[in-house]
PDB file of N, CA and C in Angstrom:
ATOM      1  N   UNK A   1     -32.217  29.450  47.547  1.00  0.00           N
ATOM      2  CA  UNK A   1     -31.600  29.066  46.303  1.00  0.00           C
ATOM      3  C   UNK A   1     -32.558  29.382  45.178  1.00  0.00           C
ATOM      4  N   UNK A   2     -32.086  30.264  44.396  1.00  0.00           N
ATOM      5  CA  UNK A   2     -32.912  30.671  43.275  1.00  0.00           C
ATOM      6  C   UNK A   2     -32.224  30.203  41.988  1.00  0.00           C
ATOM      7  N   UNK A   3     -32.443  28.979  41.574  1.00  0.00           N
ATOM      8  CA  UNK A   3     -31.800  28.405  40.394  1.00  0.00           C
ATOM      9  C   UNK A   3     -32.807  28.362  39.264  1.00  0.00           C
ATOM     10  N   UNK A   4     -32.330  28.803  38.121  1.00  0.00           N
ATOM     11  CA  UNK A   4     -33.211  28.742  36.951  1.00  0.00           C
ATOM     12  C   UNK A   4     -32.828  27.522  36.124  1.00  0.00           C
ATOM     13  N   UNK A   5     -33.809  26.750  35.803  1.00  0.00           N
ATOM     14  CA  UNK A   5     -33.595  25.565  34.989  1.00  0.00           C
ATOM     15  C   UNK A   5     -34.109  25.840  33.587  1.00  0.00           C
ATOM     16  N   UNK A   6     -33.358  25.324  32.622  1.00  0.00           N
ATOM     17  CA  UNK A   6     -33.774  25.493  31.230  1.00  0.00           C
ATOM     18  C   UNK A   6     -34.686  24.339  30.842  1.00  0.00           C
ATOM     19  N   UNK A   7     -35.570  24.649  29.975  1.00  0.00           N
ATOM     20  CA  UNK A   7     -36.449  23.589  29.484  1.00  0.00           C
ATOM     21  C   UNK A   7     -35.708  22.735  28.464  1.00  0.00           C
ATOM     22  N   UNK A   8     -36.277  21.606  28.163  1.00  0.00           N
ATOM     23  CA  UNK A   8     -35.682  20.681  27.188  1.00  0.00           C
ATOM     24  C   UNK A   8     -35.512  21.349  25.826  1.00  0.00           C
ATOM     25  N   UNK A   9     -36.468  22.156  25.409  1.00  0.00           N
ATOM     26  CA  UNK A   9     -36.399  22.835  24.116  1.00  0.00           C
ATOM     27  C   UNK A   9     -35.262  23.830  24.065  1.00  0.00           C
ATOM     28  N   UNK A  10     -34.980  24.500  25.165  1.00  0.00           N
ATOM     29  CA  UNK A  10     -33.887  25.480  25.186  1.00  0.00           C
ATOM     30  C   UNK A  10     -32.541  24.798  25.011  1.00  0.00           C
ATOM     31  N   UNK A  11     -32.352  23.637  25.632  1.00  0.00           N
ATOM     32  CA  UNK A  11     -31.101  22.898  25.447  1.00  0.00           C
ATOM     33  C   UNK A  11     -30.938  22.438  24.002  1.00  0.00           C
ATOM     34  N   UNK A  12     -31.993  21.950  23.437  1.00  0.00           N
ATOM     35  CA  UNK A  12     -31.930  21.482  22.065  1.00  0.00           C
ATOM     36  C   UNK A  12     -31.609  22.633  21.127  1.00  0.00           C
ATOM     37  N   UNK A  13     -32.179  23.784  21.360  1.00  0.00           N
ATOM     38  CA  UNK A  13     -31.942  24.939  20.511  1.00  0.00           C
ATOM     39  C   UNK A  13     -30.474  25.359  20.572  1.00  0.00           C
ATOM     40  N   UNK A  14     -29.874  25.367  21.760  1.00  0.00           N
ATOM     41  CA  UNK A  14     -28.470  25.747  21.893  1.00  0.00           C
ATOM     42  C   UNK A  14     -27.561  24.741  21.203  1.00  0.00           C
ATOM     43  N   UNK A  15     -27.846  23.448  21.301  1.00  0.00           N
ATOM     44  CA  UNK A  15     -26.974  22.436  20.717  1.00  0.00           C
ATOM     45  C   UNK A  15     -27.031  22.437  19.193  1.00  0.00           C
ATOM     46  N   UNK A  16     -28.083  22.943  18.617  1.00  0.00           N
ATOM     47  CA  UNK A  16     -28.164  22.989  17.162  1.00  0.00           C
ATOM     48  C   UNK A  16     -27.143  23.942  16.570  1.00  0.00           C
ATOM     49  N   UNK A  17     -26.754  24.950  17.334  1.00  0.00           N
ATOM     50  CA  UNK A  17     -25.844  25.960  16.814  1.00  0.00           C
ATOM     51  C   UNK A  17     -24.435  25.836  17.362  1.00  0.00           C
ATOM     52  N   UNK A  18     -24.166  24.803  18.097  1.00  0.00           N
ATOM     53  CA  UNK A  18     -22.818  24.611  18.612  1.00  0.00           C
ATOM     54  C   UNK A  18     -21.884  24.237  17.472  1.00  0.00           C
ATOM     55  N   UNK A  19     -20.661  24.741  17.556  1.00  0.00           N
ATOM     56  CA  UNK A  19     -19.636  24.402  16.577  1.00  0.00           C
ATOM     57  C   UNK A  19     -19.063  23.049  16.973  1.00  0.00           C
ATOM     58  N   UNK A  20     -19.234  22.074  16.127  1.00  0.00           N
ATOM     59  CA  UNK A  20     -18.759  20.720  16.418  1.00  0.00           C
ATOM     60  C   UNK A  20     -17.489  20.481  15.621  1.00  0.00           C
ATOM     61  N   UNK A  21     -16.446  20.056  16.329  1.00  0.00           N
ATOM     62  CA  UNK A  21     -15.176  19.766  15.672  1.00  0.00           C
ATOM     63  C   UNK A  21     -15.279  18.407  14.993  1.00  0.00           C
ATOM     64  N   UNK A  22     -15.212  18.396  13.670  1.00  0.00           N
ATOM     65  CA  UNK A  22     -15.368  17.141  12.929  1.00  0.00           C
ATOM     66  C   UNK A  22     -14.036  16.603  12.422  1.00  0.00           C
ATOM     67  N   UNK A  23     -12.937  17.207  12.837  1.00  0.00           N
ATOM     68  CA  UNK A  23     -11.639  16.707  12.398  1.00  0.00           C
ATOM     69  C   UNK A  23     -11.218  15.536  13.271  1.00  0.00           C
ATOM     70  N   UNK A  24     -10.439  14.644  12.677  1.00  0.00           N
ATOM     71  CA  UNK A  24      -9.954  13.506  13.430  1.00  0.00           C
ATOM     72  C   UNK A  24      -8.608  13.855  14.057  1.00  0.00           C
ATOM     73  N   UNK A  25      -7.917  12.867  14.591  1.00  0.00           N
ATOM     74  CA  UNK A  25      -6.657  13.133  15.290  1.00  0.00           C
ATOM     75  C   UNK A  25      -5.543  13.581  14.352  1.00  0.00           C
ATOM     76  N   UNK A  26      -5.725  13.389  13.044  1.00  0.00           N
ATOM     77  CA  UNK A  26      -4.737  13.835  12.072  1.00  0.00           C
ATOM     78  C   UNK A  26      -5.078  15.193  11.485  1.00  0.00           C
ATOM     79  N   UNK A  27      -6.177  15.766  11.924  1.00  0.00           N
ATOM     80  CA  UNK A  27      -6.587  17.076  11.440  1.00  0.00           C
ATOM     81  C   UNK A  27      -7.334  17.021  10.115  1.00  0.00           C
ATOM     82  N   UNK A  28      -7.900  15.887   9.780  1.00  0.00           N
ATOM     83  CA  UNK A  28      -8.620  15.734   8.519  1.00  0.00           C
ATOM     84  C   UNK A  28     -10.122  15.745   8.779  1.00  0.00           C
ATOM     85  N   UNK A  29     -10.842  16.436   7.935  1.00  0.00           N
ATOM     86  CA  UNK A  29     -12.297  16.368   8.040  1.00  0.00           C
ATOM     87  C   UNK A  29     -12.799  15.197   7.197  1.00  0.00           C
ATOM     88  N   UNK A  30     -14.089  14.982   7.178  1.00  0.00           N
ATOM     89  CA  UNK A  30     -14.665  13.808   6.504  1.00  0.00           C
ATOM     90  C   UNK A  30     -14.354  13.798   5.011  1.00  0.00           C
ATOM     91  N   UNK A  31     -14.432  14.949   4.362  1.00  0.00           N
ATOM     92  CA  UNK A  31     -14.164  15.012   2.927  1.00  0.00           C
ATOM     93  C   UNK A  31     -12.703  14.688   2.623  1.00  0.00           C
ATOM     94  N   UNK A  32     -11.792  15.192   3.437  1.00  0.00           N
ATOM     95  CA  UNK A  32     -10.373  14.899   3.240  1.00  0.00           C
ATOM     96  C   UNK A  32     -10.075  13.428   3.492  1.00  0.00           C
ATOM     97  N   UNK A  33     -10.720  12.857   4.517  1.00  0.00           N
ATOM     98  CA  UNK A  33     -10.529  11.423   4.788  1.00  0.00           C
ATOM     99  C   UNK A  33     -11.013  10.581   3.620  1.00  0.00           C
ATOM    100  N   UNK A  34     -12.195  10.913   3.086  1.00  0.00           N
ATOM    101  CA  UNK A  34     -12.737  10.159   1.953  1.00  0.00           C
ATOM    102  C   UNK A  34     -11.820  10.249   0.742  1.00  0.00           C
ATOM    103  N   UNK A  35     -11.284  11.427   0.489  1.00  0.00           N
ATOM    104  CA  UNK A  35     -10.381  11.614  -0.649  1.00  0.00           C
ATOM    105  C   UNK A  35      -9.092  10.820  -0.437  1.00  0.00           C
ATOM    106  N   UNK A  36      -8.568  10.838   0.782  1.00  0.00           N
ATOM    107  CA  UNK A  36      -7.349  10.091   1.087  1.00  0.00           C
ATOM    108  C   UNK A  36      -7.577   8.590   0.938  1.00  0.00           C
ATOM    109  N   UNK A  37      -8.691   8.105   1.427  1.00  0.00           N
ATOM    110  CA  UNK A  37      -8.997   6.674   1.321  1.00  0.00           C
ATOM    111  C   UNK A  37      -9.156   6.253  -0.136  1.00  0.00           C
ATOM    112  N   UNK A  38      -9.778   7.095  -0.955  1.00  0.00           N
ATOM    113  CA  UNK A  38      -9.926   6.747  -2.373  1.00  0.00           C
ATOM    114  C   UNK A  38      -8.564   6.721  -3.064  1.00  0.00           C
ATOM    115  N   UNK A  39      -7.662   7.645  -2.693  1.00  0.00           N
ATOM    116  CA  UNK A  39      -6.309   7.622  -3.272  1.00  0.00           C
ATOM    117  C   UNK A  39      -5.550   6.373  -2.842  1.00  0.00           C
ATOM    118  N   UNK A  40      -5.692   5.994  -1.583  1.00  0.00           N
ATOM    119  CA  UNK A  40      -5.017   4.790  -1.086  1.00  0.00           C
ATOM    120  C   UNK A  40      -5.530   3.558  -1.817  1.00  0.00           C
ATOM    121  N   UNK A  41      -6.844   3.470  -2.001  1.00  0.00           N
ATOM    122  CA  UNK A  41      -7.410   2.314  -2.713  1.00  0.00           C
ATOM    123  C   UNK A  41      -6.932   2.275  -4.158  1.00  0.00           C
ATOM    124  N   UNK A  42      -6.843   3.437  -4.807  1.00  0.00           N
ATOM    125  CA  UNK A  42      -6.374   3.493  -6.193  1.00  0.00           C
ATOM    126  C   UNK A  42      -4.931   3.008  -6.279  1.00  0.00           C
ATOM    127  N   UNK A  43      -4.073   3.516  -5.390  1.00  0.00           N
ATOM    128  CA  UNK A  43      -2.669   3.116  -5.425  1.00  0.00           C
ATOM    129  C   UNK A  43      -2.495   1.644  -5.056  1.00  0.00           C
ATOM    130  N   UNK A  44      -3.319   1.150  -4.145  1.00  0.00           N
ATOM    131  CA  UNK A  44      -3.245  -0.264  -3.782  1.00  0.00           C
ATOM    132  C   UNK A  44      -3.600  -1.149  -4.959  1.00  0.00           C
ATOM    133  N   UNK A  45      -4.643  -0.780  -5.690  1.00  0.00           N
ATOM    134  CA  UNK A  45      -5.023  -1.599  -6.846  1.00  0.00           C
ATOM    135  C   UNK A  45      -3.956  -1.520  -7.939  1.00  0.00           C
ATOM    136  N   UNK A  46      -3.310  -0.355  -8.099  1.00  0.00           N
ATOM    137  CA  UNK A  46      -2.215  -0.249  -9.071  1.00  0.00           C
ATOM    138  C   UNK A  46      -1.051  -1.139  -8.668  1.00  0.00           C
ATOM    139  N   UNK A  47      -0.729  -1.171  -7.377  1.00  0.00           N
ATOM    140  CA  UNK A  47       0.369  -2.018  -6.898  1.00  0.00           C
ATOM    141  C   UNK A  47       0.047  -3.492  -7.111  1.00  0.00           C
ATOM    142  N   UNK A  48      -1.196  -3.876  -6.804  1.00  0.00           N
ATOM    143  CA  UNK A  48      -1.586  -5.277  -6.999  1.00  0.00           C
ATOM    144  C   UNK A  48      -1.473  -5.659  -8.474  1.00  0.00           C
ATOM    145  N   UNK A  49      -1.943  -4.809  -9.360  1.00  0.00           N
ATOM    146  CA  UNK A  49      -1.886  -5.154 -10.779  1.00  0.00           C
ATOM    147  C   UNK A  49      -0.442  -5.194 -11.272  1.00  0.00           C
ATOM    148  N   UNK A  50       0.429  -4.364 -10.707  1.00  0.00           N
ATOM    149  CA  UNK A  50       1.836  -4.356 -11.118  1.00  0.00           C
ATOM    150  C   UNK A  50       2.548  -5.632 -10.657  1.00  0.00           C
ATOM    151  N   UNK A  51       2.303  -6.064  -9.417  1.00  0.00           N
ATOM    152  CA  UNK A  51       3.030  -7.194  -8.856  1.00  0.00           C
ATOM    153  C   UNK A  51       2.373  -8.540  -9.113  1.00  0.00           C
ATOM    154  N   UNK A  52       1.152  -8.592  -9.621  1.00  0.00           N
ATOM    155  CA  UNK A  52       0.455  -9.866  -9.825  1.00  0.00           C
ATOM    156  C   UNK A  52       1.225 -10.820 -10.724  1.00  0.00           C
ATOM    157  N   UNK A  53       1.758 -10.313 -11.832  1.00  0.00           N
ATOM    158  CA  UNK A  53       2.474 -11.202 -12.758  1.00  0.00           C
ATOM    159  C   UNK A  53       3.734 -11.767 -12.108  1.00  0.00           C
ATOM    160  N   UNK A  54       4.401 -10.950 -11.304  1.00  0.00           N
ATOM    161  CA  UNK A  54       5.601 -11.427 -10.623  1.00  0.00           C
ATOM    162  C   UNK A  54       5.256 -12.511  -9.596  1.00  0.00           C
ATOM    163  N   UNK A  55       4.164 -12.322  -8.872  1.00  0.00           N
ATOM    164  CA  UNK A  55       3.749 -13.327  -7.892  1.00  0.00           C
ATOM    165  C   UNK A  55       3.339 -14.623  -8.570  1.00  0.00           C
ATOM    166  N   UNK A  56       2.717 -14.547  -9.737  1.00  0.00           N
ATOM    167  CA  UNK A  56       2.366 -15.768 -10.466  1.00  0.00           C
ATOM    168  C   UNK A  56       3.618 -16.532 -10.881  1.00  0.00           C
ATOM    169  N   UNK A  57       4.622 -15.809 -11.368  1.00  0.00           N
ATOM    170  CA  UNK A  57       5.888 -16.449 -11.725  1.00  0.00           C
ATOM    171  C   UNK A  57       6.574 -17.044 -10.494  1.00  0.00           C
ATOM    172  N   UNK A  58       6.491 -16.326  -9.375  1.00  0.00           N
ATOM    173  CA  UNK A  58       7.099 -16.817  -8.141  1.00  0.00           C
ATOM    174  C   UNK A  58       6.424 -18.114  -7.690  1.00  0.00           C
ATOM    175  N   UNK A  59       5.099 -18.180  -7.790  1.00  0.00           N
ATOM    176  CA  UNK A  59       4.389 -19.406  -7.410  1.00  0.00           C
ATOM    177  C   UNK A  59       4.784 -20.570  -8.307  1.00  0.00           C
ATOM    178  N   UNK A  60       4.970 -20.298  -9.591  1.00  0.00           N
ATOM    179  CA  UNK A  60       5.418 -21.340 -10.520  1.00  0.00           C
ATOM    180  C   UNK A  60       6.814 -21.820 -10.139  1.00  0.00           C
ATOM    181  N   UNK A  61       7.712 -20.866  -9.863  1.00  0.00           N
ATOM    182  CA  UNK A  61       9.074 -21.228  -9.472  1.00  0.00           C
ATOM    183  C   UNK A  61       9.092 -22.018  -8.170  1.00  0.00           C
ATOM    184  N   UNK A  62       8.275 -21.590  -7.214  1.00  0.00           N
ATOM    185  CA  UNK A  62       8.238 -22.297  -5.933  1.00  0.00           C
ATOM    186  C   UNK A  62       7.708 -23.720  -6.113  1.00  0.00           C
ATOM    187  N   UNK A  63       6.742 -23.882  -6.984  1.00  0.00           N
ATOM    188  CA  UNK A  63       6.226 -25.216  -7.266  1.00  0.00           C
ATOM    189  C   UNK A  63       7.291 -26.103  -7.892  1.00  0.00           C
ATOM    190  N   UNK A  64       8.085 -25.547  -8.797  1.00  0.00           N
ATOM    191  CA  UNK A  64       9.165 -26.326  -9.405  1.00  0.00           C
ATOM    192  C   UNK A  64      10.247 -26.654  -8.383  1.00  0.00           C
ATOM    193  N   UNK A  65      10.539 -25.697  -7.501  1.00  0.00           N
ATOM    194  CA  UNK A  65      11.560 -25.932  -6.479  1.00  0.00           C
ATOM    195  C   UNK A  65      11.126 -27.028  -5.509  1.00  0.00           C
ATOM    196  N   UNK A  66       9.878 -27.015  -5.118  1.00  0.00           N
ATOM    197  CA  UNK A  66       9.394 -28.006  -4.152  1.00  0.00           C
ATOM    198  C   UNK A  66       9.129 -29.363  -4.797  1.00  0.00           C
ATOM    199  N   UNK A  67       9.042 -29.404  -6.112  1.00  0.00           N
ATOM    200  CA  UNK A  67       8.819 -30.659  -6.809  1.00  0.00           C
ATOM    201  C   UNK A  67       7.361 -30.939  -7.105  1.00  0.00           C
ATOM    202  N   UNK A  68       6.475 -30.167  -6.552  1.00  0.00           N
ATOM    203  CA  UNK A  68       5.047 -30.411  -6.760  1.00  0.00           C
ATOM    204  C   UNK A  68       4.545 -29.831  -8.080  1.00  0.00           C
ATOM    205  N   UNK A  69       5.190 -28.804  -8.587  1.00  0.00           N
ATOM    206  CA  UNK A  69       4.711 -28.140  -9.792  1.00  0.00           C
ATOM    207  C   UNK A  69       5.322 -28.661 -11.076  1.00  0.00           C
ATOM    208  N   UNK A  70       6.037 -29.769 -11.005  1.00  0.00           N
ATOM    209  CA  UNK A  70       6.696 -30.257 -12.208  1.00  0.00           C
ATOM    210  C   UNK A  70       5.755 -31.038 -13.115  1.00  0.00           C
ATOM    211  N   UNK A  71       4.669 -31.496 -12.585  1.00  0.00           N
ATOM    212  CA  UNK A  71       3.657 -32.184 -13.392  1.00  0.00           C
ATOM    213  C   UNK A  71       2.415 -31.309 -13.446  1.00  0.00           C
ATOM    214  N   UNK A  72       1.959 -30.973 -14.635  1.00  0.00           N
ATOM    215  CA  UNK A  72       0.721 -30.207 -14.758  1.00  0.00           C
ATOM    216  C   UNK A  72      -0.457 -31.104 -14.399  1.00  0.00           C
ATOM    217  N   UNK A  73      -1.584 -30.504 -14.113  1.00  0.00           N
ATOM    218  CA  UNK A  73      -2.761 -31.289 -13.739  1.00  0.00           C
ATOM    219  C   UNK A  73      -3.216 -32.193 -14.886  1.00  0.00           C
ATOM    220  N   UNK A  74      -3.114 -31.691 -16.117  1.00  0.00           N
ATOM    221  CA  UNK A  74      -3.512 -32.501 -17.274  1.00  0.00           C
ATOM    222  C   UNK A  74      -2.616 -33.717 -17.426  1.00  0.00           C
ATOM    223  N   UNK A  75      -1.295 -33.486 -17.308  1.00  0.00           N
ATOM    224  CA  UNK A  75      -0.349 -34.596 -17.443  1.00  0.00           C
ATOM    225  C   UNK A  75      -0.513 -35.589 -16.292  1.00  0.00           C
ATOM    226  N   UNK A  76      -0.759 -35.077 -15.117  1.00  0.00           N
ATOM    227  CA  UNK A  76      -0.953 -35.945 -13.959  1.00  0.00           C
ATOM    228  C   UNK A  76      -2.229 -36.771 -14.108  1.00  0.00           C
ATOM    229  N   UNK A  77      -3.271 -36.170 -14.656  1.00  0.00           N
ATOM    230  CA  UNK A  77      -4.536 -36.887 -14.838  1.00  0.00           C
ATOM    231  C   UNK A  77      -4.397 -37.997 -15.874  1.00  0.00           C
ATOM    232  N   UNK A  78      -3.578 -37.806 -16.899  1.00  0.00           N
ATOM    233  CA  UNK A  78      -3.426 -38.836 -17.929  1.00  0.00           C
ATOM    234  C   UNK A  78      -2.632 -40.038 -17.399  1.00  0.00           C
ATOM    235  N   UNK A  79      -1.830 -39.809 -16.363  1.00  0.00           N
ATOM    236  CA  UNK A  79      -1.007 -40.893 -15.831  1.00  0.00           C
ATOM    237  C   UNK A  79      -1.775 -41.741 -14.813  1.00  0.00           C
ATOM    238  N   UNK A  80      -2.814 -41.250 -14.237  1.00  0.00           N
ATOM    239  CA  UNK A  80      -3.677 -41.933 -13.258  1.00  0.00           C
ATOM    240  C   UNK A  80      -2.911 -42.852 -12.316  1.00  0.00           C
ATOM    241  N   UNK A  81      -2.919 -44.137 -12.577  1.00  0.00           N
ATOM    242  CA  UNK A  81      -2.300 -45.105 -11.660  1.00  0.00           C
ATOM    243  C   UNK A  81      -0.834 -45.381 -11.984  1.00  0.00           C
ATOM    244  N   UNK A  82      -0.343 -44.774 -13.013  1.00  0.00           N
ATOM    245  CA  UNK A  82       1.062 -44.982 -13.369  1.00  0.00           C
ATOM    246  C   UNK A  82       1.934 -44.025 -12.569  1.00  0.00           C
ATOM    247  N   UNK A  83       3.173 -44.417 -12.290  1.00  0.00           N
ATOM    248  CA  UNK A  83       4.047 -43.549 -11.486  1.00  0.00           C
ATOM    249  C   UNK A  83       4.433 -42.276 -12.247  1.00  0.00           C
ATOM    250  N   UNK A  84       4.650 -41.218 -11.496  1.00  0.00           N
ATOM    251  CA  UNK A  84       5.115 -39.949 -12.063  1.00  0.00           C
ATOM    252  C   UNK A  84       6.501 -39.683 -11.485  1.00  0.00           C
ATOM    253  N   UNK A  85       7.492 -39.822 -12.297  1.00  0.00           N
ATOM    254  CA  UNK A  85       8.870 -39.648 -11.860  1.00  0.00           C
ATOM    255  C   UNK A  85       9.204 -38.164 -11.796  1.00  0.00           C
ATOM    256  N   UNK A  86       9.716 -37.747 -10.648  1.00  0.00           N
ATOM    257  CA  UNK A  86      10.107 -36.348 -10.460  1.00  0.00           C
ATOM    258  C   UNK A  86      11.544 -36.321  -9.977  1.00  0.00           C
ATOM    259  N   UNK A  87      12.422 -35.803 -10.799  1.00  0.00           N
ATOM    260  CA  UNK A  87      13.828 -35.646 -10.436  1.00  0.00           C
ATOM    261  C   UNK A  87      14.057 -34.162 -10.148  1.00  0.00           C
ATOM    262  N   UNK A  88      14.059 -33.835  -8.882  1.00  0.00           N
ATOM    263  CA  UNK A  88      14.166 -32.441  -8.502  1.00  0.00           C
ATOM    264  C   UNK A  88      15.638 -32.049  -8.380  1.00  0.00           C
ATOM    265  N   UNK A  89      16.121 -31.325  -9.371  1.00  0.00           N
ATOM    266  CA  UNK A  89      17.520 -30.903  -9.419  1.00  0.00           C
ATOM    267  C   UNK A  89      17.720 -29.482  -8.891  1.00  0.00           C
ATOM    268  N   UNK A  90      16.661 -28.743  -8.695  1.00  0.00           N
ATOM    269  CA  UNK A  90      16.782 -27.323  -8.334  1.00  0.00           C
ATOM    270  C   UNK A  90      17.332 -27.045  -6.935  1.00  0.00           C
ATOM    271  N   UNK A  91      16.951 -27.779  -5.893  1.00  0.00           N
ATOM    272  CA  UNK A  91      17.418 -27.406  -4.550  1.00  0.00           C
ATOM    273  C   UNK A  91      18.929 -27.326  -4.405  1.00  0.00           C
ATOM    274  N   UNK A  92      19.671 -28.199  -5.055  1.00  0.00           N
ATOM    275  CA  UNK A  92      21.126 -28.135  -4.894  1.00  0.00           C
ATOM    276  C   UNK A  92      21.694 -26.858  -5.514  1.00  0.00           C
ATOM    277  N   UNK A  93      21.105 -26.384  -6.622  1.00  0.00           N
ATOM    278  CA  UNK A  93      21.572 -25.138  -7.222  1.00  0.00           C
ATOM    279  C   UNK A  93      21.181 -23.929  -6.363  1.00  0.00           C
ATOM    280  N   UNK A  94      20.000 -23.984  -5.801  1.00  0.00           N
ATOM    281  CA  UNK A  94      19.549 -22.887  -4.930  1.00  0.00           C
ATOM    282  C   UNK A  94      20.428 -22.819  -3.685  1.00  0.00           C
ATOM    283  N   UNK A  95      20.744 -23.953  -3.087  1.00  0.00           N
ATOM    284  CA  UNK A  95      21.604 -23.974  -1.901  1.00  0.00           C
ATOM    285  C   UNK A  95      22.987 -23.414  -2.211  1.00  0.00           C
ATOM    286  N   UNK A  96      23.490 -23.714  -3.394  1.00  0.00           N
ATOM    287  CA  UNK A  96      24.807 -23.224  -3.800  1.00  0.00           C
ATOM    288  C   UNK A  96      24.792 -21.699  -3.922  1.00  0.00           C
ATOM    289  N   UNK A  97      23.761 -21.151  -4.526  1.00  0.00           N
ATOM    290  CA  UNK A  97      23.661 -19.698  -4.692  1.00  0.00           C
ATOM    291  C   UNK A  97      23.458 -19.015  -3.342  1.00  0.00           C
ATOM    292  N   UNK A  98      22.645 -19.612  -2.490  1.00  0.00           N
ATOM    293  CA  UNK A  98      22.410 -19.031  -1.163  1.00  0.00           C
ATOM    294  C   UNK A  98      23.698 -19.032  -0.353  1.00  0.00           C
ATOM    295  N   UNK A  99      24.453 -20.110  -0.407  1.00  0.00           N
ATOM    296  CA  UNK A  99      25.723 -20.180   0.332  1.00  0.00           C
ATOM    297  C   UNK A  99      26.705 -19.120  -0.173  1.00  0.00           C
ATOM    298  N   UNK A 100      26.807 -18.940  -1.482  1.00  0.00           N
ATOM    299  CA  UNK A 100      27.697 -17.915  -2.024  1.00  0.00           C
ATOM    300  C   UNK A 100      27.257 -16.524  -1.595  1.00  0.00           C
ATOM    301  N   UNK A 101      25.959 -16.300  -1.559  1.00  0.00           N
ATOM    302  CA  UNK A 101      25.436 -14.991  -1.158  1.00  0.00           C
ATOM    303  C   UNK A 101      25.715 -14.722   0.311  1.00  0.00           C
ATOM    304  N   UNK A 102      25.609 -15.735   1.148  1.00  0.00           N
ATOM    305  CA  UNK A 102      25.894 -15.564   2.573  1.00  0.00           C
ATOM    306  C   UNK A 102      27.362 -15.273   2.824  1.00  0.00           C
ATOM    307  N   UNK A 103      28.247 -15.849   2.004  1.00  0.00           N
ATOM    308  CA  UNK A 103      29.684 -15.606   2.168  1.00  0.00           C
ATOM    309  C   UNK A 103      30.065 -14.181   1.783  1.00  0.00           C
ATOM    310  N   UNK A 104      29.426 -13.681   0.723  1.00  0.00           N
ATOM    311  CA  UNK A 104      29.764 -12.334   0.260  1.00  0.00           C
ATOM    312  C   UNK A 104      28.486 -11.482   0.205  1.00  0.00           C
ATOM    313  N   UNK A 105      28.080 -10.932   1.350  1.00  0.00           N
ATOM    314  CA  UNK A 105      26.871 -10.132   1.353  1.00  0.00           C
ATOM    315  C   UNK A 105      27.062  -8.845   0.533  1.00  0.00           C
ATOM    316  N   UNK A 106      25.999  -8.308  -0.011  1.00  0.00           N
ATOM    317  CA  UNK A 106      26.126  -7.103  -0.845  1.00  0.00           C
ATOM    318  C   UNK A 106      26.544  -5.883  -0.056  1.00  0.00           C
TER     319      UNK A 106
END
């Protein structure tokens, strides 16, 4: 058996010039991935800024519907040990609209 073995330096020299595939499973290289991620982050921040005001209004509405948001913290603090009367009239109107919507779906 006449086998020739390569030295450690010869292996290292060959691997330096090997063509390494740097694309991922979608066929994107590192620069394309970075550009795509930056575009996604930009669009995500635009979406958040667009919908933030709507979500704030929704939280206010939900607080009024549940009855917890009808007293502001300042008004609640001034009442301390005195009762805070909450007459929650919204659920009956919401139930009425939901029932009508269920009867006649769009």
